[in-house]
Amino acid sequence: MLLRLNDGVRTSGETPAIVPVALLREALARYGVVQVRALGASMVPLIPNGSICEIIAAPAESLRVHDIVAIGLGDTLVIHRLIETGPLGLRLSGDNTRAADPWAPIESLLGRVDRVVVPSGASRRVNGPAWRRLAWPLRVLGFLRRR
């Protein structure tokens, strides 16, 4: 079963419907997969604003560097690329950001983003060997776009 959450898209002055991270965690535990709408530009060009991200439940041991993961920090859902794991937890970074995010505890992990449906309707899988090989060029492209 697929549970679709957070289907609000931000438009001028309108606030999207926000689903609490605790509910996302519970839905992933129960159904194994949820869909959320991505708001923001930190993962452009791979995940444009308004894209629908399919998050699958995944234990931390199954993650690989360059996977795109979802974590819950307080009431904030973060979807970024995993760039490092270590004793401090998970280190993430958006493809379209200059600096890495602060370390996040392993317990904040919600799951791995498996598929993205962009606003044009095109669907693509975003994790796997091919996407991991493209991780660095996508980050460089994001950096160059900000200049």
C-alpha atoms as a PDB file:
ATOM      1  CA  MET A   1       0.000   0.000   0.000  1.00  0.00           C
ATOM      2  CA  LEU A   2       1.221   3.504  -0.817  1.00  0.00           C
ATOM      3  CA  LEU A   3       0.388   6.450   1.407  1.00  0.00           C
ATOM      4  CA  ARG A   4       0.580   9.875  -0.182  1.00  0.00           C
ATOM      5  CA  LEU A   5       1.247  12.734   2.208  1.00  0.00           C
ATOM      6  CA  ASN A   6       2.104  16.421   2.092  1.00  0.00           C
ATOM      7  CA  ASP A   7       0.368  17.123  -1.198  1.00  0.00           C
ATOM      8  CA  GLY A   8       0.257  20.913  -0.780  1.00  0.00           C
ATOM      9  CA  VAL A   9       2.264  23.045  -3.180  1.00  0.00           C
ATOM     10  CA  ARG A  10       3.378  26.464  -2.040  1.00  0.00           C
ATOM     11  CA  THR A  11       2.114  29.281  -4.220  1.00  0.00           C
ATOM     12  CA  SER A  12       2.333  33.008  -3.645  1.00  0.00           C
ATOM     13  CA  GLY A  13       1.570  33.583   0.018  1.00  0.00           C
ATOM     14  CA  GLU A  14      -0.081  30.187   0.482  1.00  0.00           C
ATOM     15  CA  THR A  15       1.248  27.791   3.121  1.00  0.00           C
ATOM     16  CA  PRO A  16       1.436  24.110   2.134  1.00  0.00           C
ATOM     17  CA  ALA A  17      -0.143  21.375   4.209  1.00  0.00           C
ATOM     18  CA  ILE A  18       2.572  20.122   6.516  1.00  0.00           C
ATOM     19  CA  VAL A  19       2.606  16.530   7.708  1.00  0.00           C
ATOM     20  CA  PRO A  20       4.367  15.989  11.036  1.00  0.00           C
ATOM     21  CA  VAL A  21       7.579  13.960  10.825  1.00  0.00           C
ATOM     22  CA  ALA A  22       6.168  11.590  13.462  1.00  0.00           C
ATOM     23  CA  LEU A  23       3.279  10.748  11.105  1.00  0.00           C
ATOM     24  CA  LEU A  24       5.705  10.136   8.220  1.00  0.00           C
ATOM     25  CA  ARG A  25       7.745   7.813  10.448  1.00  0.00           C
ATOM     26  CA  GLU A  26       4.601   5.920  11.497  1.00  0.00           C
ATOM     27  CA  ALA A  27       3.336   5.650   7.904  1.00  0.00           C
ATOM     28  CA  LEU A  28       6.700   4.296   6.715  1.00  0.00           C
ATOM     29  CA  ALA A  29       6.705   1.720   9.516  1.00  0.00           C
ATOM     30  CA  ARG A  30       3.177   0.632   8.619  1.00  0.00           C
ATOM     31  CA  TYR A  31       3.152   0.811   4.802  1.00  0.00           C
ATOM     32  CA  GLY A  32       6.850   0.799   3.861  1.00  0.00           C
ATOM     33  CA  VAL A  33       6.477   3.625   1.346  1.00  0.00           C
ATOM     34  CA  VAL A  34       5.096   7.173   1.303  1.00  0.00           C
ATOM     35  CA  GLN A  35       5.031   9.991  -1.209  1.00  0.00           C
ATOM     36  CA  VAL A  36       5.692  13.600  -0.278  1.00  0.00           C
ATOM     37  CA  ARG A  37       5.888  16.786  -2.304  1.00  0.00           C
ATOM     38  CA  ALA A  38       9.307  18.422  -2.248  1.00  0.00           C
ATOM     39  CA  LEU A  39       9.326  22.140  -1.606  1.00  0.00           C
ATOM     40  CA  GLY A  40      12.510  24.104  -2.215  1.00  0.00           C
ATOM     41  CA  ALA A  41      15.479  24.204  -4.554  1.00  0.00           C
ATOM     42  CA  SER A  42      18.251  22.501  -2.578  1.00  0.00           C
ATOM     43  CA  MET A  43      18.157  19.356  -4.760  1.00  0.00           C
ATOM     44  CA  VAL A  44      17.725  21.060  -8.154  1.00  0.00           C
ATOM     45  CA  PRO A  45      18.262  19.909 -10.905  1.00  0.00           C
ATOM     46  CA  LEU A  46      17.496  16.306  -9.859  1.00  0.00           C
ATOM     47  CA  ILE A  47      14.461  17.171  -7.701  1.00  0.00           C
ATOM     48  CA  PRO A  48      12.778  20.405  -8.855  1.00  0.00           C
ATOM     49  CA  ASN A  49      10.448  22.313  -6.533  1.00  0.00           C
ATOM     50  CA  GLY A  50       7.028  20.648  -6.486  1.00  0.00           C
ATOM     51  CA  SER A  51       8.284  17.164  -7.372  1.00  0.00           C
ATOM     52  CA  ILE A  52       6.744  14.145  -5.683  1.00  0.00           C
ATOM     53  CA  CYS A  53       9.325  12.000  -3.893  1.00  0.00           C
ATOM     54  CA  GLU A  54       8.647   8.365  -3.077  1.00  0.00           C
ATOM     55  CA  ILE A  55      10.345   7.459   0.191  1.00  0.00           C
ATOM     56  CA  ILE A  56      10.843   3.801   1.050  1.00  0.00           C
ATOM     57  CA  ALA A  57      11.656   2.499   4.509  1.00  0.00           C
ATOM     58  CA  ALA A  58      15.345   1.614   4.619  1.00  0.00           C
ATOM     59  CA  PRO A  59      17.594   0.730   7.538  1.00  0.00           C
ATOM     60  CA  ALA A  60      20.768   2.777   7.943  1.00  0.00           C
ATOM     61  CA  GLU A  61      22.907  -0.287   7.161  1.00  0.00           C
ATOM     62  CA  SER A  62      21.431  -0.457   3.646  1.00  0.00           C
ATOM     63  CA  LEU A  63      22.403   3.122   2.726  1.00  0.00           C
ATOM     64  CA  ARG A  64      25.301   3.942   0.437  1.00  0.00           C
ATOM     65  CA  VAL A  65      27.139   7.210   0.029  1.00  0.00           C
ATOM     66  CA  HIS A  66      25.413   9.307  -2.680  1.00  0.00           C
ATOM     67  CA  ASP A  67      21.956   7.828  -1.977  1.00  0.00           C
ATOM     68  CA  ILE A  68      19.209  10.400  -1.603  1.00  0.00           C
ATOM     69  CA  VAL A  69      17.676  10.020   1.835  1.00  0.00           C
ATOM     70  CA  ALA A  70      14.934  11.545   3.950  1.00  0.00           C
ATOM     71  CA  ILE A  71      15.537  12.486   7.566  1.00  0.00           C
ATOM     72  CA  GLY A  72      13.344  14.100  10.180  1.00  0.00           C
ATOM     73  CA  LEU A  73      14.906  16.827  12.284  1.00  0.00           C
ATOM     74  CA  GLY A  74      12.340  18.013  14.783  1.00  0.00           C
ATOM     75  CA  ASP A  75       9.342  18.982  12.648  1.00  0.00           C
ATOM     76  CA  THR A  76      11.435  19.395   9.494  1.00  0.00           C
ATOM     77  CA  LEU A  77      11.630  16.841   6.691  1.00  0.00           C
ATOM     78  CA  VAL A  78      14.967  17.028   4.844  1.00  0.00           C
ATOM     79  CA  ILE A  79      15.599  15.252   1.535  1.00  0.00           C
ATOM     80  CA  HIS A  80      19.279  15.486   0.619  1.00  0.00           C
ATOM     81  CA  ARG A  81      22.129  13.366  -0.695  1.00  0.00           C
ATOM     82  CA  LEU A  82      24.092  11.221   1.767  1.00  0.00           C
ATOM     83  CA  ILE A  83      27.743  12.235   1.543  1.00  0.00           C
ATOM     84  CA  GLU A  84      29.230  10.536   4.602  1.00  0.00           C
ATOM     85  CA  THR A  85      28.423   8.185   7.473  1.00  0.00           C
ATOM     86  CA  GLY A  86      30.310   7.958  10.718  1.00  0.00           C
ATOM     87  CA  PRO A  87      30.103   7.719  14.491  1.00  0.00           C
ATOM     88  CA  LEU A  88      28.278  11.063  14.581  1.00  0.00           C
ATOM     89  CA  GLY A  89      25.547   9.777  12.266  1.00  0.00           C
ATOM     90  CA  LEU A  90      24.697  10.878   8.730  1.00  0.00           C
ATOM     91  CA  ARG A  91      26.162  13.803   6.793  1.00  0.00           C
ATOM     92  CA  LEU A  92      23.942  15.127   4.019  1.00  0.00           C
ATOM     93  CA  SER A  93      24.128  17.879   1.447  1.00  0.00           C
ATOM     94  CA  GLY A  94      21.771  19.290  -1.150  1.00  0.00           C
ATOM     95  CA  ASP A  95      22.971  19.076  -4.755  1.00  0.00           C
ATOM     96  CA  ASN A  96      22.301  22.802  -5.092  1.00  0.00           C
ATOM     97  CA  THR A  97      23.998  23.932  -1.866  1.00  0.00           C
ATOM     98  CA  ARG A  98      27.596  24.911  -1.200  1.00  0.00           C
ATOM     99  CA  ALA A  99      28.052  23.494   2.289  1.00  0.00           C
ATOM    100  CA  ALA A 100      27.211  20.158   3.844  1.00  0.00           C
ATOM    101  CA  ASP A 101      24.441  19.926   6.417  1.00  0.00           C
ATOM    102  CA  PRO A 102      25.355  19.427  10.089  1.00  0.00           C
ATOM    103  CA  TRP A 103      25.682  15.799  11.208  1.00  0.00           C
ATOM    104  CA  ALA A 104      22.297  14.165  11.804  1.00  0.00           C
ATOM    105  CA  PRO A 105      21.815  11.289  14.244  1.00  0.00           C
ATOM    106  CA  ILE A 106      21.084   7.865  12.734  1.00  0.00           C
ATOM    107  CA  GLU A 107      17.734   7.916  14.568  1.00  0.00           C
ATOM    108  CA  SER A 108      16.602  10.803  12.354  1.00  0.00           C
ATOM    109  CA  LEU A 109      16.627   8.563   9.254  1.00  0.00           C
ATOM    110  CA  LEU A 110      13.184   8.074   7.724  1.00  0.00           C
ATOM    111  CA  GLY A 111      14.143   6.243   4.534  1.00  0.00           C
ATOM    112  CA  ARG A 112      15.635   6.399   1.060  1.00  0.00           C
ATOM    113  CA  VAL A 113      14.110   8.316  -1.844  1.00  0.00           C
ATOM    114  CA  ASP A 114      13.567   5.742  -4.574  1.00  0.00           C
ATOM    115  CA  ARG A 115      11.635   7.592  -7.256  1.00  0.00           C
ATOM    116  CA  VAL A 116      10.790  11.177  -8.162  1.00  0.00           C
ATOM    117  CA  VAL A 117       7.933  12.488 -10.298  1.00  0.00           C
ATOM    118  CA  VAL A 118       8.876  15.959 -11.531  1.00  0.00           C
ATOM    119  CA  PRO A 119       6.226  18.648 -12.121  1.00  0.00           C
ATOM    120  CA  SER A 120       6.124  17.857 -15.872  1.00  0.00           C
ATOM    121  CA  GLY A 121       4.951  14.347 -14.967  1.00  0.00           C
ATOM    122  CA  ALA A 122       8.145  12.489 -15.884  1.00  0.00           C
ATOM    123  CA  SER A 123       9.074   9.759 -13.411  1.00  0.00           C
ATOM    124  CA  ARG A 124      12.610   8.632 -12.646  1.00  0.00           C
ATOM    125  CA  ARG A 125      14.370   6.365 -10.187  1.00  0.00           C
ATOM    126  CA  VAL A 126      17.021   8.343  -8.319  1.00  0.00           C
ATOM    127  CA  ASN A 127      19.048   5.751  -6.455  1.00  0.00           C
ATOM    128  CA  GLY A 128      21.231   3.033  -7.848  1.00  0.00           C
ATOM    129  CA  PRO A 129      24.673   2.713  -9.406  1.00  0.00           C
ATOM    130  CA  ALA A 130      24.042   5.088 -12.329  1.00  0.00           C
ATOM    131  CA  TRP A 131      22.705   7.877 -10.101  1.00  0.00           C
ATOM    132  CA  ARG A 132      25.542   7.406  -7.603  1.00  0.00           C
ATOM    133  CA  ARG A 133      28.042   7.897 -10.462  1.00  0.00           C
ATOM    134  CA  LEU A 134      26.240  11.125 -11.413  1.00  0.00           C
ATOM    135  CA  ALA A 135      26.214  12.509  -7.859  1.00  0.00           C
ATOM    136  CA  TRP A 136      29.399  14.559  -8.142  1.00  0.00           C
ATOM    137  CA  PRO A 137      28.572  16.073 -11.583  1.00  0.00           C
ATOM    138  CA  LEU A 138      25.082  17.004 -10.305  1.00  0.00           C
ATOM    139  CA  ARG A 139      26.601  18.773  -7.278  1.00  0.00           C
ATOM    140  CA  VAL A 140      29.054  20.651  -9.536  1.00  0.00           C
ATOM    141  CA  LEU A 141      26.199  21.624 -11.873  1.00  0.00           C
ATOM    142  CA  GLY A 142      24.217  22.924  -8.898  1.00  0.00           C
ATOM    143  CA  PHE A 143      27.232  24.917  -7.720  1.00  0.00           C
ATOM    144  CA  LEU A 144      27.783  26.438 -11.178  1.00  0.00           C
ATOM    145  CA  ARG A 145      24.107  27.414 -11.488  1.00  0.00           C
ATOM    146  CA  ARG A 146      24.406  29.507  -8.294  1.00  0.00           C
ATOM    147  CA  ARG A 147      27.236  31.649  -9.689  1.00  0.00           C
END
